[in-house]
Amino acid sequence: MALIPSLALQFLQMLLVVAVAPLIIGITRKTRARLLRRTGAPVLQPYRDLARLLRKEALVAETASPLFRVYPYVAFGATWVAAALVPTFATGLLFSWSGDFIAIIALIGTGRATVALAGLDAGTSFGGIGSSREAMIAALAEPAMLMVVFIVALLSGTSQLTGIAAFMASPEVGLRVSLALGLTALVMVAIAENGRIPVDNPATHLELTMVHEAMVLEYAGRHLLMIELAAALKLIAYLAILSCVFLPFGLADAGAGAGAVAVGIAAFLAKLTALAALLAVFETSIAKMRVFRVPEFLGAALMLGLLGTLLLFVSRMSQ
């Protein structure tokens, strides 16, 4: 009988991340609009956009291969699994053993690589430009992300996110410069990976600047729905990693009662809302950088992660 509640909690987490992903996009857009003194679209507008895409016909370019129809589902599936493995409202769930930090990065990378291949499949110039830029960002973002993994894994003694969250919630953590550097690097990588300002502007379709939009211009209907939902899930995954590793309060234990789970869900939604609002404030207060400045931005994230790792080694050797 204990298996059924465990499956129910795991299934609830899977449904939760995919259900709130469009909501976080709507909160970010609404906050940005209000900061710019505009009314903006309703918070629930992303749900309406996805429903409209579901009703449209899925067109396929004549030059595309048969895999062109498969890429959106692979990207959505890989990103959904990655977001569902991150502890959101509870730790120690049924599949928490597979919630390894490195495995989650690999799943997110699989979704990213799939979308990049989809941009190349149709053979258009815009798709090629977007895919090449996405590959450049990935080549610099993944090493920086691995440096963050090394910092938190060396401190907690494990790369399992459940164990990392338990360690970060304990008083053993204290104030560490390496964690501050890792947090900064993680935020920079999350901004770049999700195509947010200053790396990319998700609200523009200028061919000289767009990255994500250039790769998906040939998609329509349910295929575009899967890609847009995968992009929203990627943002949820990074926000969940931030809240799990650096804001681990409110996480319930898998064996706790329904009240603790409800508190955990409420805390998770509150953290997501606050992080989405902070993202909107940051995007409003900064301008988009030029494309050739992106390597410098991600190079700084890599250096911060490397410096945090080195400081951690030095501090341990001096003890």
Protein backbone atom coordinates (compact mmCIF):
# COMPACT_ATOMS: atom_id res chain seq x y z
CA MET A 1 0.00 0.00 0.00
CA ALA A 2 2.93 2.34 0.57
CA LEU A 3 3.70 2.14 -3.15
CA ILE A 4 0.41 3.79 -4.15
CA PRO A 5 0.90 7.02 -2.11
CA SER A 6 4.51 7.23 -3.37
CA LEU A 7 3.35 6.91 -6.98
CA ALA A 8 0.64 9.48 -6.33
CA LEU A 9 3.13 12.01 -4.96
CA GLN A 10 5.51 11.46 -7.87
CA PHE A 11 2.67 11.79 -10.37
CA LEU A 12 1.52 14.96 -8.59
CA GLN A 13 4.98 16.49 -8.99
CA MET A 14 5.02 15.63 -12.69
CA LEU A 15 1.63 17.25 -13.18
CA LEU A 16 2.54 20.26 -11.05
CA VAL A 17 5.58 21.32 -13.07
CA VAL A 18 3.82 21.02 -16.42
CA ALA A 19 0.69 22.76 -15.11
CA VAL A 20 2.45 25.82 -13.64
CA ALA A 21 5.02 26.25 -16.44
CA PRO A 22 2.77 28.50 -18.61
CA LEU A 23 1.64 30.36 -15.48
CA ILE A 24 5.21 31.39 -14.63
CA ILE A 25 5.66 32.68 -18.18
CA GLY A 26 2.46 34.68 -17.79
CA ILE A 27 3.58 36.13 -14.44
CA THR A 28 6.91 37.19 -15.93
CA ARG A 29 5.27 38.87 -18.92
CA LYS A 30 2.65 40.59 -16.78
CA THR A 31 5.25 41.89 -14.33
CA ARG A 32 7.40 43.25 -17.15
CA ALA A 33 4.38 44.97 -18.69
CA ARG A 34 3.38 46.61 -15.40
CA LEU A 35 6.97 47.78 -14.80
CA LEU A 36 6.90 49.38 -18.26
CA ARG A 37 3.54 51.04 -17.40
CA ARG A 38 1.61 48.91 -19.85
CA THR A 39 -1.46 46.79 -19.16
CA GLY A 40 -0.07 43.67 -20.74
CA ALA A 41 -1.77 40.38 -21.51
CA PRO A 42 -3.56 38.46 -18.76
CA VAL A 43 -1.49 36.11 -16.62
CA LEU A 44 -3.36 33.14 -18.08
CA GLN A 45 -2.69 34.18 -21.67
CA PRO A 46 0.04 31.48 -22.21
CA TYR A 47 -2.61 28.80 -21.58
CA ARG A 48 -4.82 30.36 -24.25
CA ASP A 49 -1.90 30.52 -26.67
CA LEU A 50 -1.16 26.84 -26.16
CA ALA A 51 -4.82 25.94 -26.62
CA ARG A 52 -4.91 27.94 -29.86
CA LEU A 53 -1.82 26.12 -31.15
CA LEU A 54 -3.49 22.80 -30.37
CA ARG A 55 -6.40 23.71 -32.66
CA LYS A 56 -4.16 24.75 -35.56
CA GLU A 57 -2.90 22.49 -38.30
CA ALA A 58 0.63 21.12 -37.95
CA LEU A 59 2.41 22.18 -41.14
CA VAL A 60 5.71 20.59 -42.17
CA ALA A 61 8.24 22.05 -44.56
CA GLU A 62 8.79 20.17 -47.81
CA THR A 63 12.55 20.06 -47.23
CA ALA A 64 12.23 18.59 -43.73
CA SER A 65 13.07 14.99 -42.90
CA PRO A 66 10.68 12.55 -41.17
CA LEU A 67 12.43 13.35 -37.86
CA PHE A 68 11.10 16.90 -38.09
CA ARG A 69 7.83 15.70 -36.51
CA VAL A 70 9.66 13.76 -33.78
CA TYR A 71 11.98 16.49 -32.47
CA PRO A 72 9.30 18.49 -30.56
CA TYR A 73 8.12 15.45 -28.62
CA VAL A 74 11.67 14.38 -27.72
CA ALA A 75 12.50 17.91 -26.54
CA PHE A 76 9.31 18.09 -24.48
CA GLY A 77 9.78 14.63 -22.97
CA ALA A 78 13.42 15.17 -21.97
CA THR A 79 12.74 18.59 -20.46
CA TRP A 80 9.63 17.38 -18.64
CA VAL A 81 11.53 14.49 -17.05
CA ALA A 82 14.33 16.85 -16.01
CA ALA A 83 11.88 19.29 -14.39
CA ALA A 84 9.96 16.47 -12.69
CA LEU A 85 13.11 14.99 -11.12
CA VAL A 86 14.01 18.21 -9.30
CA PRO A 87 12.57 18.22 -5.74
CA THR A 88 9.84 20.85 -5.82
CA PHE A 89 7.54 20.47 -2.83
CA ALA A 90 8.90 17.25 -1.26
CA THR A 91 12.11 15.25 -1.00
CA GLY A 92 12.61 11.51 -1.05
CA LEU A 93 9.98 10.80 -3.70
CA LEU A 94 9.76 7.46 -5.46
CA PHE A 95 12.14 8.41 -8.28
CA SER A 96 14.36 10.69 -6.21
CA TRP A 97 17.23 8.21 -6.61
CA SER A 98 17.40 9.23 -10.28
CA GLY A 99 17.32 12.96 -9.48
CA ASP A 100 21.06 13.36 -9.93
CA PHE A 101 22.22 16.92 -10.66
CA ILE A 102 24.42 15.79 -13.56
CA ALA A 103 21.67 13.61 -15.03
CA ILE A 104 19.24 16.53 -14.95
CA ILE A 105 21.76 18.73 -16.78
CA ALA A 106 22.14 15.95 -19.38
CA LEU A 107 18.37 15.75 -19.87
CA ILE A 108 18.11 19.51 -20.32
CA GLY A 109 21.00 19.33 -22.76
CA THR A 110 19.19 16.60 -24.69
CA GLY A 111 16.17 18.83 -25.11
CA ARG A 112 18.37 21.73 -26.18
CA ALA A 113 20.28 19.64 -28.73
CA THR A 114 17.01 18.29 -30.13
CA VAL A 115 15.65 21.77 -30.75
CA ALA A 116 18.95 22.77 -32.36
CA LEU A 117 18.74 19.79 -34.71
CA ALA A 118 15.16 20.73 -35.51
CA GLY A 119 16.32 24.19 -36.53
CA LEU A 120 18.83 22.65 -38.95
CA ASP A 121 16.42 20.06 -40.34
CA ALA A 122 14.37 22.32 -42.61
CA GLY A 123 17.50 23.82 -44.16
CA THR A 124 16.48 27.47 -43.74
CA SER A 125 18.95 30.26 -43.10
CA PHE A 126 17.16 31.43 -39.95
CA GLY A 127 17.16 27.93 -38.50
CA GLY A 128 20.87 27.56 -39.18
CA ILE A 129 21.66 30.90 -37.52
CA GLY A 130 19.60 30.05 -34.45
CA SER A 131 21.06 26.55 -34.11
CA SER A 132 24.65 27.79 -34.42
CA ARG A 133 24.03 30.42 -31.76
CA GLU A 134 22.35 27.85 -29.52
CA ALA A 135 25.37 25.54 -29.90
CA MET A 136 27.69 28.40 -28.98
CA ILE A 137 25.68 29.18 -25.86
CA ALA A 138 25.52 25.51 -24.87
CA ALA A 139 29.28 25.02 -25.31
CA LEU A 140 29.91 27.76 -22.75
CA ALA A 141 26.95 27.27 -20.44
CA GLU A 142 27.38 23.56 -19.71
CA PRO A 143 30.93 23.83 -18.31
CA ALA A 144 29.80 26.69 -16.06
CA MET A 145 26.86 24.59 -14.90
CA LEU A 146 29.17 21.68 -14.12
CA MET A 147 31.30 23.98 -11.97
CA VAL A 148 28.19 24.80 -9.95
CA VAL A 149 27.52 21.08 -9.59
CA PHE A 150 31.06 20.53 -8.33
CA ILE A 151 30.65 23.24 -5.69
CA VAL A 152 27.41 21.94 -4.18
CA ALA A 153 28.40 18.28 -4.60
CA LEU A 154 31.74 18.75 -2.84
CA LEU A 155 30.04 20.59 0.02
CA SER A 156 27.18 18.14 0.51
CA GLY A 157 29.07 14.98 -0.41
CA THR A 158 26.52 13.91 -3.03
CA SER A 159 25.19 14.96 -6.42
CA GLN A 160 21.64 13.82 -5.60
CA LEU A 161 19.41 16.87 -5.36
CA THR A 162 17.53 15.38 -2.42
CA GLY A 163 20.75 15.08 -0.44
CA ILE A 164 21.92 18.51 -1.56
CA ALA A 165 18.64 20.10 -0.43
CA ALA A 166 18.88 18.36 2.96
CA PHE A 167 22.44 19.59 3.44
CA MET A 168 21.65 23.15 2.34
CA ALA A 169 18.76 23.27 4.81
CA SER A 170 21.01 22.18 7.70
CA PRO A 171 23.01 24.60 9.89
CA GLU A 172 26.27 23.02 8.66
CA VAL A 173 26.27 25.19 5.55
CA GLY A 174 27.05 28.56 7.07
CA LEU A 175 28.16 31.53 4.96
CA ARG A 176 30.48 30.49 2.16
CA VAL A 177 31.95 32.62 -0.60
CA SER A 178 32.03 29.60 -2.91
CA LEU A 179 28.25 29.21 -2.63
CA ALA A 180 27.73 32.89 -3.47
CA LEU A 181 29.91 32.50 -6.55
CA GLY A 182 28.08 29.32 -7.52
CA LEU A 183 24.71 31.02 -7.12
CA THR A 184 25.79 33.90 -9.35
CA ALA A 185 27.11 31.49 -11.99
CA LEU A 186 23.89 29.45 -11.87
CA VAL A 187 21.74 32.54 -12.35
CA MET A 188 23.84 33.63 -15.34
CA VAL A 189 23.61 30.18 -16.91
CA ALA A 190 19.84 30.03 -16.32
CA ILE A 191 19.39 33.39 -18.05
CA ALA A 192 21.43 32.26 -21.05
CA GLU A 193 19.87 28.80 -21.31
CA ASN A 194 16.33 30.17 -21.27
CA GLY A 195 17.04 32.91 -23.81
CA ARG A 196 16.21 35.77 -21.46
CA ILE A 197 17.50 39.32 -21.53
CA PRO A 198 20.38 40.26 -21.80
CA VAL A 199 21.36 37.14 -23.80
CA ASP A 200 18.20 36.90 -25.92
CA ASN A 201 14.82 38.61 -26.06
CA PRO A 202 11.93 36.13 -26.17
CA ALA A 203 9.54 38.87 -27.30
CA THR A 204 11.38 39.77 -30.51
CA HIS A 205 11.62 38.24 -33.97
CA LEU A 206 14.52 40.28 -35.31
CA GLU A 207 16.63 37.97 -37.45
CA LEU A 208 19.88 39.57 -36.29
CA THR A 209 19.28 38.87 -32.61
CA MET A 210 16.88 35.96 -32.10
CA VAL A 211 18.11 32.52 -31.06
CA HIS A 212 15.23 30.33 -29.88
CA GLU A 213 12.64 31.84 -32.20
CA ALA A 214 14.91 31.34 -35.22
CA MET A 215 15.06 27.58 -34.62
CA VAL A 216 11.28 27.10 -34.41
CA LEU A 217 10.06 29.36 -37.21
CA GLU A 218 9.13 26.36 -39.37
CA TYR A 219 6.92 24.78 -36.72
CA ALA A 220 3.18 25.25 -36.27
CA GLY A 221 0.25 23.65 -34.52
CA ARG A 222 0.81 20.89 -31.98
CA HIS A 223 4.52 20.71 -32.84
CA LEU A 224 5.03 24.34 -31.89
CA LEU A 225 2.93 23.72 -28.76
CA MET A 226 5.34 21.00 -27.64
CA ILE A 227 8.37 23.23 -28.23
CA GLU A 228 6.86 26.21 -26.41
CA LEU A 229 5.82 24.02 -23.50
CA ALA A 230 9.33 22.52 -23.40
CA ALA A 231 10.79 26.05 -23.23
CA ALA A 232 8.48 26.90 -20.32
CA LEU A 233 9.44 23.64 -18.59
CA LYS A 234 13.12 24.47 -18.97
CA LEU A 235 12.53 27.76 -17.15
CA ILE A 236 10.64 25.89 -14.43
CA ALA A 237 13.50 23.38 -14.15
CA TYR A 238 16.10 26.09 -13.56
CA LEU A 239 13.88 27.97 -11.12
CA ALA A 240 13.22 24.70 -9.28
CA ILE A 241 16.96 23.99 -9.10
CA LEU A 242 17.56 27.47 -7.69
CA SER A 243 14.84 27.05 -5.08
CA CYS A 244 15.88 23.48 -4.21
CA VAL A 245 19.60 24.17 -3.81
CA PHE A 246 19.71 27.74 -2.50
CA LEU A 247 16.17 28.16 -1.08
CA PRO A 248 15.41 24.70 0.35
CA PHE A 249 12.91 25.85 2.97
CA GLY A 250 9.35 24.49 2.84
CA LEU A 251 10.29 21.09 1.37
CA ALA A 252 8.22 18.30 2.89
CA ASP A 253 9.35 14.74 3.44
CA ALA A 254 7.80 12.09 1.22
CA GLY A 255 6.48 10.28 4.29
CA ALA A 256 4.83 13.38 5.74
CA GLY A 257 1.11 13.90 5.81
CA ALA A 258 -1.15 15.78 3.44
CA GLY A 259 -0.77 18.99 5.44
CA ALA A 260 3.02 19.04 5.02
CA VAL A 261 2.66 18.32 1.29
CA ALA A 262 0.17 21.19 0.94
CA VAL A 263 2.59 23.54 2.73
CA GLY A 264 5.38 22.34 0.45
CA ILE A 265 3.32 23.02 -2.67
CA ALA A 266 2.38 26.47 -1.40
CA ALA A 267 6.02 27.26 -0.59
CA PHE A 268 7.13 26.04 -4.02
CA LEU A 269 4.56 28.18 -5.82
CA ALA A 270 5.52 31.20 -3.71
CA LYS A 271 9.21 30.73 -4.54
CA LEU A 272 8.44 30.35 -8.24
CA THR A 273 6.32 33.51 -8.23
CA ALA A 274 9.01 35.51 -6.42
CA LEU A 275 11.77 34.28 -8.75
CA ALA A 276 9.65 35.02 -11.83
CA ALA A 277 8.98 38.55 -10.57
CA LEU A 278 12.69 39.08 -9.86
CA LEU A 279 13.47 37.87 -13.39
CA ALA A 280 11.03 40.40 -14.82
CA VAL A 281 12.56 43.20 -12.74
CA PHE A 282 16.04 42.23 -13.91
CA GLU A 283 14.99 42.10 -17.56
CA THR A 284 13.33 45.48 -17.31
CA SER A 285 16.38 47.13 -15.77
CA ILE A 286 18.95 45.90 -18.30
CA ALA A 287 19.35 46.10 -22.07
CA LYS A 288 20.01 43.20 -24.41
CA MET A 289 23.67 42.69 -25.18
CA ARG A 290 25.09 42.07 -28.64
CA VAL A 291 25.51 38.51 -29.77
CA PHE A 292 29.32 38.63 -29.77
CA ARG A 293 29.23 39.67 -26.08
CA VAL A 294 27.43 36.46 -25.05
CA PRO A 295 30.68 34.41 -24.84
CA GLU A 296 32.08 37.03 -22.47
CA PHE A 297 28.94 36.80 -20.33
CA LEU A 298 29.07 33.01 -20.10
CA GLY A 299 32.85 33.07 -19.76
CA ALA A 300 32.38 35.17 -16.64
CA ALA A 301 29.91 32.56 -15.32
CA LEU A 302 32.48 29.82 -15.98
CA MET A 303 35.20 31.78 -14.19
CA LEU A 304 32.93 32.38 -11.20
CA GLY A 305 32.15 28.68 -10.97
CA LEU A 306 35.80 27.75 -11.32
CA LEU A 307 36.81 30.33 -8.71
CA GLY A 308 34.19 29.01 -6.32
CA THR A 309 35.50 25.47 -6.76
CA LEU A 310 39.09 26.57 -6.19
CA LEU A 311 38.13 28.53 -3.07
CA LEU A 312 36.37 25.49 -1.73
CA PHE A 313 39.47 23.34 -2.24
CA VAL A 314 41.71 25.98 -0.64
CA SER A 315 39.42 26.31 2.38
CA ARG A 316 39.39 22.56 2.89
CA MET A 317 43.16 22.28 2.60
CA SER A 318 43.67 25.01 5.21
CA GLN A 319 41.48 23.23 7.77
